[in-house]
Amino acid sequence: MKNIIFTYLIFILFIANIFAQSENVPPHRTCGTVEYMKQLMQKYPYLREKMKKQERIRAEWIKNYNKERKNCKDMESFK
């Protein structure tokens, strides 16, 4: 009796899995971030330039931070 119940349970799980996979789901997951950014840039034309400016500021900070960090390491070698 337990064997029949176990077989029936496996069969139900198998059928449920088939139906779960056959819904109208794209073959890969999409999050929509790119589409949303395109919409924002169309709505706010200045956004692209503002993002580029922020990226330049970050790049400059990283460059300066690395220089300062290298200088600190050089100073430690004199101790």
PDB file of N, CA and C in Angstrom:
ATOM      1  N   MET A   1       0.815  -1.185   0.000  1.00  0.00           N
ATOM      2  CA  MET A   1       0.000   0.000   0.000  1.00  0.00           C
ATOM      3  C   MET A   1       0.874   1.271   0.000  1.00  0.00           C
ATOM      4  N   LYS A   2       1.929   1.276   0.821  1.00  0.00           N
ATOM      5  CA  LYS A   2       2.827   2.431   0.860  1.00  0.00           C
ATOM      6  C   LYS A   2       3.496   2.640  -0.488  1.00  0.00           C
ATOM      7  N   ASN A   3       3.814   1.545  -1.161  1.00  0.00           N
ATOM      8  CA  ASN A   3       4.462   1.630  -2.459  1.00  0.00           C
ATOM      9  C   ASN A   3       3.538   2.297  -3.479  1.00  0.00           C
ATOM     10  N   ILE A   4       2.261   2.013  -3.442  1.00  0.00           N
ATOM     11  CA  ILE A   4       1.300   2.605  -4.380  1.00  0.00           C
ATOM     12  C   ILE A   4       1.145   4.094  -4.096  1.00  0.00           C
ATOM     13  N   ILE A   5       1.061   4.474  -2.829  1.00  0.00           N
ATOM     14  CA  ILE A   5       0.935   5.891  -2.458  1.00  0.00           C
ATOM     15  C   ILE A   5       2.184   6.654  -2.885  1.00  0.00           C
ATOM     16  N   PHE A   6       3.355   6.087  -2.653  1.00  0.00           N
ATOM     17  CA  PHE A   6       4.605   6.731  -3.047  1.00  0.00           C
ATOM     18  C   PHE A   6       4.654   6.926  -4.568  1.00  0.00           C
ATOM     19  N   THR A   7       4.280   5.914  -5.332  1.00  0.00           N
ATOM     20  CA  THR A   7       4.274   6.001  -6.794  1.00  0.00           C
ATOM     21  C   THR A   7       3.285   7.066  -7.253  1.00  0.00           C
ATOM     22  N   TYR A   8       2.114   7.109  -6.648  1.00  0.00           N
ATOM     23  CA  TYR A   8       1.098   8.101  -6.991  1.00  0.00           C
ATOM     24  C   TYR A   8       1.613   9.508  -6.690  1.00  0.00           C
ATOM     25  N   LEU A   9       2.275   9.696  -5.563  1.00  0.00           N
ATOM     26  CA  LEU A   9       2.823  10.996  -5.180  1.00  0.00           C
ATOM     27  C   LEU A   9       3.892  11.456  -6.183  1.00  0.00           C
ATOM     28  N   ILE A  10       4.768  10.559  -6.561  1.00  0.00           N
ATOM     29  CA  ILE A  10       5.806  10.893  -7.550  1.00  0.00           C
ATOM     30  C   ILE A  10       5.158  11.284  -8.879  1.00  0.00           C
ATOM     31  N   PHE A  11       4.138  10.571  -9.287  1.00  0.00           N
ATOM     32  CA  PHE A  11       3.433  10.861 -10.536  1.00  0.00           C
ATOM     33  C   PHE A  11       2.805  12.256 -10.486  1.00  0.00           C
ATOM     34  N   ILE A  12       2.163  12.599  -9.375  1.00  0.00           N
ATOM     35  CA  ILE A  12       1.533  13.917  -9.231  1.00  0.00           C
ATOM     36  C   ILE A  12       2.591  15.020  -9.272  1.00  0.00           C
ATOM     37  N   LEU A  13       3.690  14.821  -8.593  1.00  0.00           N
ATOM     38  CA  LEU A  13       4.761  15.825  -8.613  1.00  0.00           C
ATOM     39  C   LEU A  13       5.344  15.996 -10.013  1.00  0.00           C
ATOM     40  N   PHE A  14       5.478  14.900 -10.740  1.00  0.00           N
ATOM     41  CA  PHE A  14       5.992  14.966 -12.099  1.00  0.00           C
ATOM     42  C   PHE A  14       5.046  15.756 -12.999  1.00  0.00           C
ATOM     43  N   ILE A  15       3.752  15.477 -12.916  1.00  0.00           N
ATOM     44  CA  ILE A  15       2.759  16.191 -13.729  1.00  0.00           C
ATOM     45  C   ILE A  15       2.709  17.670 -13.342  1.00  0.00           C
ATOM     46  N   ALA A  16       2.769  17.973 -12.052  1.00  0.00           N
ATOM     47  CA  ALA A  16       2.755  19.368 -11.596  1.00  0.00           C
ATOM     48  C   ALA A  16       3.967  20.113 -12.128  1.00  0.00           C
ATOM     49  N   ASN A  17       5.116  19.466 -12.178  1.00  0.00           N
ATOM     50  CA  ASN A  17       6.330  20.093 -12.692  1.00  0.00           C
ATOM     51  C   ASN A  17       6.191  20.396 -14.179  1.00  0.00           C
ATOM     52  N   ILE A  18       5.591  19.503 -14.917  1.00  0.00           N
ATOM     53  CA  ILE A  18       5.397  19.736 -16.356  1.00  0.00           C
ATOM     54  C   ILE A  18       4.521  20.960 -16.570  1.00  0.00           C
ATOM     55  N   PHE A  19       3.424  21.081 -15.835  1.00  0.00           N
ATOM     56  CA  PHE A  19       2.537  22.226 -16.005  1.00  0.00           C
ATOM     57  C   PHE A  19       3.177  23.519 -15.509  1.00  0.00           C
ATOM     58  N   ALA A  20       3.984  23.445 -14.495  1.00  0.00           N
ATOM     59  CA  ALA A  20       4.646  24.641 -13.981  1.00  0.00           C
ATOM     60  C   ALA A  20       5.630  25.190 -15.001  1.00  0.00           C
ATOM     61  N   GLN A  21       6.276  24.328 -15.763  1.00  0.00           N
ATOM     62  CA  GLN A  21       7.266  24.758 -16.742  1.00  0.00           C
ATOM     63  C   GLN A  21       6.643  25.226 -18.047  1.00  0.00           C
ATOM     64  N   SER A  22       5.364  24.947 -18.279  1.00  0.00           N
ATOM     65  CA  SER A  22       4.770  25.254 -19.583  1.00  0.00           C
ATOM     66  C   SER A  22       3.990  26.556 -19.597  1.00  0.00           C
ATOM     67  N   GLU A  23       4.059  27.365 -18.554  1.00  0.00           N
ATOM     68  CA  GLU A  23       3.365  28.643 -18.539  1.00  0.00           C
ATOM     69  C   GLU A  23       4.025  29.583 -19.541  1.00  0.00           C
ATOM     70  N   ASN A  24       3.408  30.720 -19.780  1.00  0.00           N
ATOM     71  CA  ASN A  24       3.949  31.705 -20.717  1.00  0.00           C
ATOM     72  C   ASN A  24       5.079  32.481 -20.063  1.00  0.00           C
ATOM     73  N   VAL A  25       6.179  31.824 -19.885  1.00  0.00           N
ATOM     74  CA  VAL A  25       7.359  32.409 -19.260  1.00  0.00           C
ATOM     75  C   VAL A  25       8.447  32.481 -20.317  1.00  0.00           C
ATOM     76  N   PRO A  26       9.138  33.626 -20.414  1.00  0.00           N
ATOM     77  CA  PRO A  26      10.232  33.689 -21.382  1.00  0.00           C
ATOM     78  C   PRO A  26      11.313  32.666 -21.048  1.00  0.00           C
ATOM     79  N   PRO A  27      12.081  32.222 -22.050  1.00  0.00           N
ATOM     80  CA  PRO A  27      13.106  31.206 -21.786  1.00  0.00           C
ATOM     81  C   PRO A  27      14.229  31.689 -20.882  1.00  0.00           C
ATOM     82  N   HIS A  28      14.361  32.991 -20.700  1.00  0.00           N
ATOM     83  CA  HIS A  28      15.370  33.528 -19.792  1.00  0.00           C
ATOM     84  C   HIS A  28      14.731  34.640 -18.962  1.00  0.00           C
ATOM     85  N   ARG A  29      15.301  34.898 -17.836  1.00  0.00           N
ATOM     86  CA  ARG A  29      14.749  35.908 -16.937  1.00  0.00           C
ATOM     87  C   ARG A  29      15.127  37.295 -17.440  1.00  0.00           C
ATOM     88  N   THR A  30      14.181  38.208 -17.425  1.00  0.00           N
ATOM     89  CA  THR A  30      14.450  39.591 -17.801  1.00  0.00           C
ATOM     90  C   THR A  30      14.020  40.489 -16.656  1.00  0.00           C
ATOM     91  N   CYS A  31      14.810  41.498 -16.389  1.00  0.00           N
ATOM     92  CA  CYS A  31      14.485  42.373 -15.267  1.00  0.00           C
ATOM     93  C   CYS A  31      13.951  43.723 -15.725  1.00  0.00           C
ATOM     94  N   GLY A  32      14.233  44.150 -16.937  1.00  0.00           N
ATOM     95  CA  GLY A  32      13.682  45.397 -17.441  1.00  0.00           C
ATOM     96  C   GLY A  32      14.489  46.633 -17.111  1.00  0.00           C
ATOM     97  N   THR A  33      15.675  46.474 -16.547  1.00  0.00           N
ATOM     98  CA  THR A  33      16.474  47.640 -16.171  1.00  0.00           C
ATOM     99  C   THR A  33      16.871  48.471 -17.390  1.00  0.00           C
ATOM    100  N   VAL A  34      17.296  47.810 -18.443  1.00  0.00           N
ATOM    101  CA  VAL A  34      17.733  48.532 -19.644  1.00  0.00           C
ATOM    102  C   VAL A  34      16.568  49.309 -20.253  1.00  0.00           C
ATOM    103  N   GLU A  35      15.405  48.671 -20.323  1.00  0.00           N
ATOM    104  CA  GLU A  35      14.238  49.342 -20.887  1.00  0.00           C
ATOM    105  C   GLU A  35      13.847  50.549 -20.037  1.00  0.00           C
ATOM    106  N   TYR A  36      13.922  50.383 -18.725  1.00  0.00           N
ATOM    107  CA  TYR A  36      13.575  51.482 -17.824  1.00  0.00           C
ATOM    108  C   TYR A  36      14.553  52.647 -17.983  1.00  0.00           C
ATOM    109  N   MET A  37      15.847  52.348 -18.094  1.00  0.00           N
ATOM    110  CA  MET A  37      16.839  53.423 -18.296  1.00  0.00           C
ATOM    111  C   MET A  37      16.591  54.152 -19.613  1.00  0.00           C
ATOM    112  N   LYS A  38      16.224  53.414 -20.663  1.00  0.00           N
ATOM    113  CA  LYS A  38      15.909  54.057 -21.947  1.00  0.00           C
ATOM    114  C   LYS A  38      14.721  55.003 -21.797  1.00  0.00           C
ATOM    115  N   GLN A  39      13.704  54.562 -21.055  1.00  0.00           N
ATOM    116  CA  GLN A  39      12.544  55.423 -20.827  1.00  0.00           C
ATOM    117  C   GLN A  39      12.932  56.682 -20.067  1.00  0.00           C
ATOM    118  N   LEU A  40      13.751  56.520 -19.038  1.00  0.00           N
ATOM    119  CA  LEU A  40      14.192  57.676 -18.259  1.00  0.00           C
ATOM    120  C   LEU A  40      14.987  58.652 -19.121  1.00  0.00           C
ATOM    121  N   MET A  41      15.836  58.132 -19.970  1.00  0.00           N
ATOM    122  CA  MET A  41      16.661  59.010 -20.809  1.00  0.00           C
ATOM    123  C   MET A  41      15.832  59.721 -21.866  1.00  0.00           C
ATOM    124  N   GLN A  42      14.757  59.086 -22.312  1.00  0.00           N
ATOM    125  CA  GLN A  42      13.854  59.771 -23.245  1.00  0.00           C
ATOM    126  C   GLN A  42      13.069  60.861 -22.517  1.00  0.00           C
ATOM    127  N   LYS A  43      12.661  60.571 -21.297  1.00  0.00           N
ATOM    128  CA  LYS A  43      11.875  61.522 -20.527  1.00  0.00           C
ATOM    129  C   LYS A  43      12.727  62.693 -20.039  1.00  0.00           C
ATOM    130  N   TYR A  44      13.971  62.398 -19.645  1.00  0.00           N
ATOM    131  CA  TYR A  44      14.894  63.405 -19.122  1.00  0.00           C
ATOM    132  C   TYR A  44      16.163  63.394 -19.970  1.00  0.00           C
ATOM    133  N   PRO A  45      16.204  64.205 -21.038  1.00  0.00           N
ATOM    134  CA  PRO A  45      17.360  64.177 -21.955  1.00  0.00           C
ATOM    135  C   PRO A  45      18.698  64.513 -21.295  1.00  0.00           C
ATOM    136  N   TYR A  46      18.686  65.277 -20.218  1.00  0.00           N
ATOM    137  CA  TYR A  46      19.924  65.655 -19.536  1.00  0.00           C
ATOM    138  C   TYR A  46      20.498  64.521 -18.691  1.00  0.00           C
ATOM    139  N   LEU A  47      19.753  63.445 -18.513  1.00  0.00           N
ATOM    140  CA  LEU A  47      20.172  62.353 -17.632  1.00  0.00           C
ATOM    141  C   LEU A  47      21.461  61.686 -18.105  1.00  0.00           C
ATOM    142  N   ARG A  48      21.597  61.475 -19.409  1.00  0.00           N
ATOM    143  CA  ARG A  48      22.800  60.820 -19.934  1.00  0.00           C
ATOM    144  C   ARG A  48      24.056  61.621 -19.595  1.00  0.00           C
ATOM    145  N   GLU A  49      23.994  62.937 -19.784  1.00  0.00           N
ATOM    146  CA  GLU A  49      25.159  63.773 -19.482  1.00  0.00           C
ATOM    147  C   GLU A  49      25.437  63.800 -17.979  1.00  0.00           C
ATOM    148  N   LYS A  50      24.386  63.805 -17.185  1.00  0.00           N
ATOM    149  CA  LYS A  50      24.564  63.796 -15.726  1.00  0.00           C
ATOM    150  C   LYS A  50      25.226  62.497 -15.276  1.00  0.00           C
ATOM    151  N   MET A  51      24.832  61.384 -15.878  1.00  0.00           N
ATOM    152  CA  MET A  51      25.440  60.098 -15.528  1.00  0.00           C
ATOM    153  C   MET A  51      26.904  60.054 -15.953  1.00  0.00           C
ATOM    154  N   LYS A  52      27.219  60.612 -17.112  1.00  0.00           N
ATOM    155  CA  LYS A  52      28.616  60.658 -17.568  1.00  0.00           C
ATOM    156  C   LYS A  52      29.455  61.510 -16.621  1.00  0.00           C
ATOM    157  N   LYS A  53      28.887  62.628 -16.175  1.00  0.00           N
ATOM    158  CA  LYS A  53      29.612  63.503 -15.252  1.00  0.00           C
ATOM    159  C   LYS A  53      29.902  62.766 -13.948  1.00  0.00           C
ATOM    160  N   GLN A  54      28.914  62.059 -13.417  1.00  0.00           N
ATOM    161  CA  GLN A  54      29.116  61.297 -12.189  1.00  0.00           C
ATOM    162  C   GLN A  54      30.177  60.216 -12.372  1.00  0.00           C
ATOM    163  N   GLU A  55      30.188  59.587 -13.534  1.00  0.00           N
ATOM    164  CA  GLU A  55      31.191  58.553 -13.803  1.00  0.00           C
ATOM    165  C   GLU A  55      32.600  59.152 -13.851  1.00  0.00           C
ATOM    166  N   ARG A  56      32.738  60.347 -14.442  1.00  0.00           N
ATOM    167  CA  ARG A  56      34.042  61.023 -14.459  1.00  0.00           C
ATOM    168  C   ARG A  56      34.496  61.361 -13.042  1.00  0.00           C
ATOM    169  N   ILE A  57      33.564  61.812 -12.214  1.00  0.00           N
ATOM    170  CA  ILE A  57      33.900  62.150 -10.820  1.00  0.00           C
ATOM    171  C   ILE A  57      34.367  60.894 -10.080  1.00  0.00           C
ATOM    172  N   ARG A  58      33.659  59.791 -10.265  1.00  0.00           N
ATOM    173  CA  ARG A  58      34.069  58.537  -9.606  1.00  0.00           C
ATOM    174  C   ARG A  58      35.433  58.066 -10.101  1.00  0.00           C
ATOM    175  N   ALA A  59      35.645  58.150 -11.411  1.00  0.00           N
ATOM    176  CA  ALA A  59      36.931  57.709 -11.969  1.00  0.00           C
ATOM    177  C   ALA A  59      38.082  58.557 -11.417  1.00  0.00           C
ATOM    178  N   GLU A  60      37.859  59.848 -11.301  1.00  0.00           N
ATOM    179  CA  GLU A  60      38.886  60.736 -10.756  1.00  0.00           C
ATOM    180  C   GLU A  60      39.150  60.413  -9.284  1.00  0.00           C
ATOM    181  N   TRP A  61      38.095  60.142  -8.524  1.00  0.00           N
ATOM    182  CA  TRP A  61      38.261  59.794  -7.120  1.00  0.00           C
ATOM    183  C   TRP A  61      39.053  58.498  -6.974  1.00  0.00           C
ATOM    184  N   ILE A  62      38.728  57.511  -7.798  1.00  0.00           N
ATOM    185  CA  ILE A  62      39.438  56.229  -7.736  1.00  0.00           C
ATOM    186  C   ILE A  62      40.917  56.428  -8.066  1.00  0.00           C
ATOM    187  N   LYS A  63      41.181  57.227  -9.091  1.00  0.00           N
ATOM    188  CA  LYS A  63      42.568  57.486  -9.474  1.00  0.00           C
ATOM    189  C   LYS A  63      43.330  58.159  -8.324  1.00  0.00           C
ATOM    190  N   ASN A  64      42.731  59.160  -7.712  1.00  0.00           N
ATOM    191  CA  ASN A  64      43.380  59.861  -6.604  1.00  0.00           C
ATOM    192  C   ASN A  64      43.518  58.969  -5.379  1.00  0.00           C
ATOM    193  N   TYR A  65      42.504  58.171  -5.106  1.00  0.00           N
ATOM    194  CA  TYR A  65      42.553  57.274  -3.959  1.00  0.00           C
ATOM    195  C   TYR A  65      43.698  56.282  -4.118  1.00  0.00           C
ATOM    196  N   ASN A  66      43.855  55.734  -5.313  1.00  0.00           N
ATOM    197  CA  ASN A  66      44.946  54.779  -5.545  1.00  0.00           C
ATOM    198  C   ASN A  66      46.310  55.443  -5.390  1.00  0.00           C
ATOM    199  N   LYS A  67      46.433  56.695  -5.819  1.00  0.00           N
ATOM    200  CA  LYS A  67      47.697  57.413  -5.639  1.00  0.00           C
ATOM    201  C   LYS A  67      47.989  57.613  -4.152  1.00  0.00           C
ATOM    202  N   GLU A  68      46.985  58.045  -3.410  1.00  0.00           N
ATOM    203  CA  GLU A  68      47.175  58.268  -1.970  1.00  0.00           C
ATOM    204  C   GLU A  68      47.526  56.966  -1.265  1.00  0.00           C
ATOM    205  N   ARG A  69      46.875  55.905  -1.661  1.00  0.00           N
ATOM    206  CA  ARG A  69      47.139  54.612  -1.042  1.00  0.00           C
ATOM    207  C   ARG A  69      48.565  54.153  -1.336  1.00  0.00           C
ATOM    208  N   LYS A  70      49.012  54.368  -2.568  1.00  0.00           N
ATOM    209  CA  LYS A  70      50.378  53.997  -2.928  1.00  0.00           C
ATOM    210  C   LYS A  70      51.373  54.824  -2.125  1.00  0.00           C
ATOM    211  N   ASN A  71      51.102  56.118  -1.968  1.00  0.00           N
ATOM    212  CA  ASN A  71      51.977  56.981  -1.174  1.00  0.00           C
ATOM    213  C   ASN A  71      52.061  56.517   0.281  1.00  0.00           C
ATOM    214  N   CYS A  72      50.947  56.080   0.823  1.00  0.00           N
ATOM    215  CA  CYS A  72      50.954  55.580   2.216  1.00  0.00           C
ATOM    216  C   CYS A  72      51.809  54.328   2.330  1.00  0.00           C
ATOM    217  N   LYS A  73      51.734  53.450   1.362  1.00  0.00           N
ATOM    218  CA  LYS A  73      52.552  52.236   1.397  1.00  0.00           C
ATOM    219  C   LYS A  73      54.023  52.585   1.264  1.00  0.00           C
ATOM    220  N   ASP A  74      54.326  53.569   0.401  1.00  0.00           N
ATOM    221  CA  ASP A  74      55.723  54.001   0.263  1.00  0.00           C
ATOM    222  C   ASP A  74      56.255  54.568   1.560  1.00  0.00           C
ATOM    223  N   MET A  75      55.438  55.311   2.288  1.00  0.00           N
ATOM    224  CA  MET A  75      55.861  55.908   3.539  1.00  0.00           C
ATOM    225  C   MET A  75      56.107  54.836   4.600  1.00  0.00           C
ATOM    226  N   GLU A  76      55.331  53.768   4.563  1.00  0.00           N
ATOM    227  CA  GLU A  76      55.519  52.690   5.527  1.00  0.00           C
ATOM    228  C   GLU A  76      56.860  51.987   5.344  1.00  0.00           C
ATOM    229  N   SER A  77      57.367  51.983   4.135  1.00  0.00           N
ATOM    230  CA  SER A  77      58.644  51.303   3.895  1.00  0.00           C
ATOM    231  C   SER A  77      59.825  52.080   4.488  1.00  0.00           C
ATOM    232  N   PHE A  78      59.631  53.376   4.813  1.00  0.00           N
ATOM    233  CA  PHE A  78      60.705  54.171   5.390  1.00  0.00           C
ATOM    234  C   PHE A  78      60.805  53.972   6.899  1.00  0.00           C
ATOM    235  N   LYS A  79      59.839  53.354   7.518  1.00  0.00           N
ATOM    236  CA  LYS A  79      59.846  53.201   8.969  1.00  0.00           C
ATOM    237  C   LYS A  79      60.900  52.237   9.422  1.00  0.00           C
TER     238      LYS A  79
END
